[in-house]
N, C-alpha and C. Protein backbone atom coordinates (compact mmCIF):
# COMPACT_ATOMS: atom_id res chain seq x y z
N MET A 1 0.84 -1.18 0.00
CA MET A 1 0.00 0.00 0.00
C MET A 1 0.89 1.25 0.00
N SER A 2 0.55 2.20 -0.83
CA SER A 2 1.36 3.42 -0.90
C SER A 2 1.03 4.37 0.24
N LYS A 3 2.00 5.22 0.54
CA LYS A 3 1.81 6.21 1.61
C LYS A 3 0.87 7.31 1.13
N SER A 4 0.10 7.85 2.05
CA SER A 4 -0.75 8.98 1.71
C SER A 4 0.11 10.23 1.59
N ILE A 5 -0.39 11.21 0.87
CA ILE A 5 0.32 12.48 0.74
C ILE A 5 0.48 13.12 2.11
N GLU A 6 -0.56 13.03 2.93
CA GLU A 6 -0.48 13.60 4.28
C GLU A 6 0.68 12.99 5.07
N ARG A 7 0.80 11.68 5.02
CA ARG A 7 1.89 11.00 5.73
C ARG A 7 3.24 11.46 5.18
N MET A 8 3.38 11.53 3.88
CA MET A 8 4.65 11.93 3.28
C MET A 8 5.01 13.37 3.68
N VAL A 9 4.03 14.26 3.71
CA VAL A 9 4.30 15.65 4.09
C VAL A 9 4.73 15.73 5.55
N ILE A 10 4.03 15.04 6.43
CA ILE A 10 4.39 15.10 7.85
C ILE A 10 5.77 14.48 8.08
N GLU A 11 6.05 13.37 7.44
CA GLU A 11 7.37 12.74 7.59
C GLU A 11 8.48 13.69 7.13
N ARG A 12 8.25 14.35 6.00
CA ARG A 12 9.26 15.29 5.50
C ARG A 12 9.37 16.50 6.42
N ALA A 13 8.26 16.99 6.94
CA ALA A 13 8.29 18.12 7.88
C ALA A 13 9.12 17.77 9.11
N ILE A 14 8.97 16.56 9.60
CA ILE A 14 9.76 16.11 10.75
C ILE A 14 11.25 16.13 10.40
N GLU A 15 11.61 15.65 9.22
CA GLU A 15 13.01 15.67 8.79
C GLU A 15 13.54 17.10 8.74
N LEU A 16 12.73 18.02 8.20
CA LEU A 16 13.16 19.41 8.12
C LEU A 16 13.38 20.00 9.52
N LEU A 17 12.46 19.72 10.43
CA LEU A 17 12.60 20.25 11.79
C LEU A 17 13.82 19.69 12.50
N LYS A 18 14.17 18.45 12.20
CA LYS A 18 15.38 17.87 12.78
C LYS A 18 16.63 18.57 12.25
N GLN A 19 16.56 19.05 10.98
CA GLN A 19 17.68 19.79 10.39
C GLN A 19 17.84 21.14 11.07
N GLY A 20 16.70 21.79 11.32
CA GLY A 20 16.74 23.11 11.92
C GLY A 20 15.35 23.57 12.31
N TRP A 21 15.24 24.13 13.51
CA TRP A 21 13.95 24.57 14.04
C TRP A 21 14.05 26.02 14.47
N THR A 22 12.95 26.74 14.35
CA THR A 22 12.88 28.11 14.83
C THR A 22 11.48 28.39 15.35
N ASP A 23 11.38 29.42 16.16
CA ASP A 23 10.06 29.93 16.52
C ASP A 23 9.99 31.35 15.99
N GLY A 24 8.79 31.84 15.81
CA GLY A 24 8.63 33.18 15.23
C GLY A 24 8.43 33.09 13.74
N PRO A 25 9.49 33.36 12.94
CA PRO A 25 9.31 33.33 11.48
C PRO A 25 9.04 31.93 10.96
N LEU A 26 8.45 31.87 9.76
CA LEU A 26 8.18 30.57 9.14
C LEU A 26 9.47 29.82 8.85
N ALA A 27 10.52 30.57 8.51
CA ALA A 27 11.83 29.97 8.23
C ALA A 27 12.90 31.03 8.39
N ILE A 28 14.12 30.56 8.63
CA ILE A 28 15.26 31.47 8.71
C ILE A 28 16.41 30.93 7.88
N ASP A 29 17.30 31.86 7.49
CA ASP A 29 18.50 31.46 6.75
C ASP A 29 19.65 31.24 7.73
N ALA A 30 20.82 30.98 7.20
CA ALA A 30 21.99 30.68 8.04
C ALA A 30 22.41 31.85 8.92
N LYS A 31 21.99 33.06 8.57
CA LYS A 31 22.32 34.24 9.37
C LYS A 31 21.20 34.61 10.34
N GLY A 32 20.16 33.76 10.41
CA GLY A 32 19.06 34.00 11.33
C GLY A 32 18.02 34.98 10.84
N ARG A 33 18.08 35.32 9.56
CA ARG A 33 17.11 36.25 8.97
C ARG A 33 15.89 35.49 8.47
N ALA A 34 14.73 36.08 8.63
CA ALA A 34 13.49 35.47 8.15
C ALA A 34 13.51 35.36 6.63
N VAL A 35 13.13 34.18 6.15
CA VAL A 35 13.01 33.92 4.71
C VAL A 35 11.74 33.11 4.48
N SER A 36 11.34 33.01 3.25
CA SER A 36 10.20 32.17 2.89
C SER A 36 10.51 30.71 3.22
N PRO A 37 9.51 29.95 3.67
CA PRO A 37 9.77 28.54 3.93
C PRO A 37 10.13 27.77 2.65
N TRP A 38 9.84 28.34 1.50
CA TRP A 38 10.14 27.68 0.23
C TRP A 38 11.50 28.08 -0.31
N SER A 39 12.17 29.04 0.35
CA SER A 39 13.46 29.54 -0.11
C SER A 39 14.54 28.47 0.00
N GLU A 40 15.41 28.43 -0.99
CA GLU A 40 16.57 27.54 -0.94
C GLU A 40 17.53 27.97 0.16
N LYS A 41 17.42 29.21 0.63
CA LYS A 41 18.29 29.71 1.69
C LYS A 41 17.82 29.28 3.07
N ALA A 42 16.61 28.77 3.17
CA ALA A 42 16.07 28.36 4.48
C ALA A 42 16.88 27.20 5.05
N VAL A 43 17.23 27.33 6.34
CA VAL A 43 17.98 26.27 7.02
C VAL A 43 17.26 25.80 8.28
N ALA A 44 16.22 26.52 8.68
CA ALA A 44 15.43 26.14 9.86
C ALA A 44 14.01 26.63 9.65
N TRP A 45 13.05 25.88 10.20
CA TRP A 45 11.64 26.16 10.00
C TRP A 45 10.88 26.06 11.31
N CYS A 46 9.78 26.79 11.41
CA CYS A 46 8.83 26.56 12.49
C CYS A 46 7.94 25.41 12.02
N ALA A 47 7.05 24.94 12.87
CA ALA A 47 6.18 23.82 12.51
C ALA A 47 5.39 24.11 11.24
N TRP A 48 4.76 25.28 11.20
CA TRP A 48 3.93 25.64 10.06
C TRP A 48 4.77 25.78 8.79
N GLY A 49 5.93 26.42 8.91
CA GLY A 49 6.82 26.57 7.77
C GLY A 49 7.33 25.23 7.25
N SER A 50 7.61 24.30 8.17
CA SER A 50 8.09 22.99 7.74
C SER A 50 7.02 22.23 6.97
N LEU A 51 5.76 22.38 7.39
CA LEU A 51 4.67 21.74 6.65
C LEU A 51 4.51 22.35 5.26
N GLN A 52 4.66 23.68 5.17
CA GLN A 52 4.56 24.34 3.87
C GLN A 52 5.67 23.87 2.93
N ARG A 53 6.90 23.84 3.44
CA ARG A 53 8.03 23.41 2.62
C ARG A 53 7.88 21.94 2.23
N ALA A 54 7.49 21.11 3.19
CA ALA A 54 7.33 19.68 2.90
C ALA A 54 6.24 19.45 1.85
N ALA A 55 5.14 20.19 1.94
CA ALA A 55 4.07 20.04 0.95
C ALA A 55 4.57 20.40 -0.44
N LEU A 56 5.39 21.44 -0.54
CA LEU A 56 5.97 21.81 -1.83
C LEU A 56 6.86 20.69 -2.35
N GLU A 57 7.71 20.16 -1.50
CA GLU A 57 8.62 19.10 -1.93
C GLU A 57 7.88 17.84 -2.34
N VAL A 58 6.82 17.50 -1.63
CA VAL A 58 6.08 16.27 -1.92
C VAL A 58 5.20 16.41 -3.16
N THR A 59 4.53 17.55 -3.30
CA THR A 59 3.57 17.72 -4.40
C THR A 59 4.12 18.48 -5.60
N GLY A 60 5.24 19.18 -5.40
CA GLY A 60 5.81 19.94 -6.50
C GLY A 60 5.21 21.33 -6.67
N LYS A 61 4.33 21.72 -5.74
CA LYS A 61 3.74 23.06 -5.83
C LYS A 61 3.40 23.56 -4.43
N VAL A 62 3.29 24.88 -4.32
CA VAL A 62 2.84 25.48 -3.07
C VAL A 62 1.38 25.09 -2.89
N ASN A 63 1.06 24.48 -1.75
CA ASN A 63 -0.28 23.92 -1.56
C ASN A 63 -0.77 24.20 -0.15
N LEU A 64 -1.18 25.44 0.08
CA LEU A 64 -1.62 25.83 1.42
C LEU A 64 -2.91 25.13 1.83
N ARG A 65 -3.76 24.80 0.88
CA ARG A 65 -4.99 24.07 1.21
C ARG A 65 -4.65 22.71 1.82
N LEU A 66 -3.67 22.02 1.26
CA LEU A 66 -3.23 20.74 1.81
C LEU A 66 -2.65 20.93 3.21
N VAL A 67 -1.84 21.98 3.40
CA VAL A 67 -1.25 22.24 4.70
C VAL A 67 -2.34 22.54 5.74
N ASP A 68 -3.34 23.31 5.34
CA ASP A 68 -4.47 23.58 6.25
C ASP A 68 -5.17 22.29 6.65
N LYS A 69 -5.39 21.42 5.68
CA LYS A 69 -6.05 20.13 5.95
C LYS A 69 -5.22 19.28 6.91
N ILE A 70 -3.93 19.24 6.68
CA ILE A 70 -3.04 18.46 7.55
C ILE A 70 -3.06 19.03 8.97
N GLU A 71 -2.93 20.33 9.07
CA GLU A 71 -2.90 20.97 10.39
C GLU A 71 -4.19 20.73 11.16
N ALA A 72 -5.30 20.70 10.46
CA ALA A 72 -6.60 20.47 11.11
C ALA A 72 -6.68 19.07 11.74
N GLY A 73 -5.87 18.14 11.27
CA GLY A 73 -5.90 16.78 11.79
C GLY A 73 -5.08 16.56 13.05
N PHE A 74 -4.28 17.54 13.42
CA PHE A 74 -3.47 17.39 14.63
C PHE A 74 -4.33 17.52 15.88
N VAL A 75 -3.94 16.81 16.92
CA VAL A 75 -4.66 16.85 18.19
C VAL A 75 -4.53 18.24 18.81
N LYS A 76 -3.36 18.85 18.67
CA LYS A 76 -3.10 20.20 19.18
C LYS A 76 -2.72 21.09 18.01
N ASN A 77 -2.97 22.38 18.13
CA ASN A 77 -2.57 23.35 17.12
C ASN A 77 -1.05 23.43 17.10
N VAL A 78 -0.44 23.02 15.99
CA VAL A 78 1.03 22.96 15.95
C VAL A 78 1.68 24.33 15.99
N VAL A 79 0.98 25.35 15.53
CA VAL A 79 1.54 26.70 15.60
C VAL A 79 1.68 27.12 17.06
N ARG A 80 0.66 26.90 17.83
CA ARG A 80 0.71 27.24 19.27
C ARG A 80 1.75 26.38 19.99
N VAL A 81 1.78 25.10 19.67
CA VAL A 81 2.77 24.21 20.29
C VAL A 81 4.18 24.71 19.95
N ASN A 82 4.40 25.08 18.69
CA ASN A 82 5.70 25.58 18.27
C ASN A 82 6.12 26.80 19.09
N GLU A 83 5.21 27.73 19.27
CA GLU A 83 5.55 28.99 19.94
C GLU A 83 5.64 28.87 21.45
N PHE A 84 4.85 28.00 22.04
CA PHE A 84 4.79 27.96 23.50
C PHE A 84 5.42 26.73 24.14
N GLU A 85 5.60 25.65 23.37
CA GLU A 85 6.14 24.42 23.96
C GLU A 85 7.47 23.98 23.34
N GLY A 86 7.78 24.43 22.14
CA GLY A 86 9.08 24.16 21.55
C GLY A 86 9.16 22.97 20.60
N LYS A 87 10.36 22.78 20.10
CA LYS A 87 10.64 21.77 19.08
C LYS A 87 10.25 20.36 19.48
N SER A 88 10.64 19.92 20.66
CA SER A 88 10.34 18.55 21.08
C SER A 88 8.84 18.29 21.11
N ALA A 89 8.09 19.26 21.57
CA ALA A 89 6.63 19.11 21.63
C ALA A 89 6.04 19.06 20.23
N VAL A 90 6.56 19.86 19.31
CA VAL A 90 6.08 19.83 17.93
C VAL A 90 6.32 18.45 17.33
N LEU A 91 7.52 17.93 17.53
CA LEU A 91 7.84 16.60 16.99
C LEU A 91 6.93 15.53 17.58
N ARG A 92 6.62 15.63 18.87
CA ARG A 92 5.69 14.67 19.50
C ARG A 92 4.31 14.74 18.85
N VAL A 93 3.81 15.95 18.65
CA VAL A 93 2.49 16.13 18.04
C VAL A 93 2.47 15.55 16.62
N MET A 94 3.53 15.81 15.86
CA MET A 94 3.59 15.29 14.49
C MET A 94 3.69 13.77 14.47
N ARG A 95 4.50 13.22 15.35
CA ARG A 95 4.62 11.75 15.41
C ARG A 95 3.32 11.10 15.85
N LYS A 96 2.62 11.75 16.77
CA LYS A 96 1.33 11.23 17.20
C LYS A 96 0.34 11.20 16.05
N ARG A 97 0.36 12.24 15.22
CA ARG A 97 -0.53 12.28 14.06
C ARG A 97 -0.18 11.15 13.09
N LEU A 98 1.10 10.89 12.90
CA LEU A 98 1.49 9.79 12.00
C LEU A 98 0.91 8.46 12.48
N LYS A 99 0.91 8.25 13.79
CA LYS A 99 0.36 7.00 14.33
C LYS A 99 -1.14 6.88 14.07
N MET A 100 -1.81 8.02 13.94
CA MET A 100 -3.25 8.02 13.72
C MET A 100 -3.63 7.78 12.26
N LEU A 101 -2.67 7.92 11.37
CA LEU A 101 -2.96 7.76 9.93
C LEU A 101 -3.02 6.31 9.52
């Protein structure tokens, strides 16, 4: 059975967050400046930015509707978790969602 797009996006978002995490901006470059989550200069992402970047990588296009759908499936709002609980909590929420798929 093939993986769902949702699963592939969340798995890729987790990989991105392991590479680099931030709070505040959607993504930052190597100098800590805010950049688009789709930028090649991005080296770290917040939860929401990682989902946006992962959706682009998985589908080949910017797909905010897909990201909204994925975010709606989480037990907790990942944006709030990102800002108030940090990277480890975001990863827990994302992994929990994968188990539910």
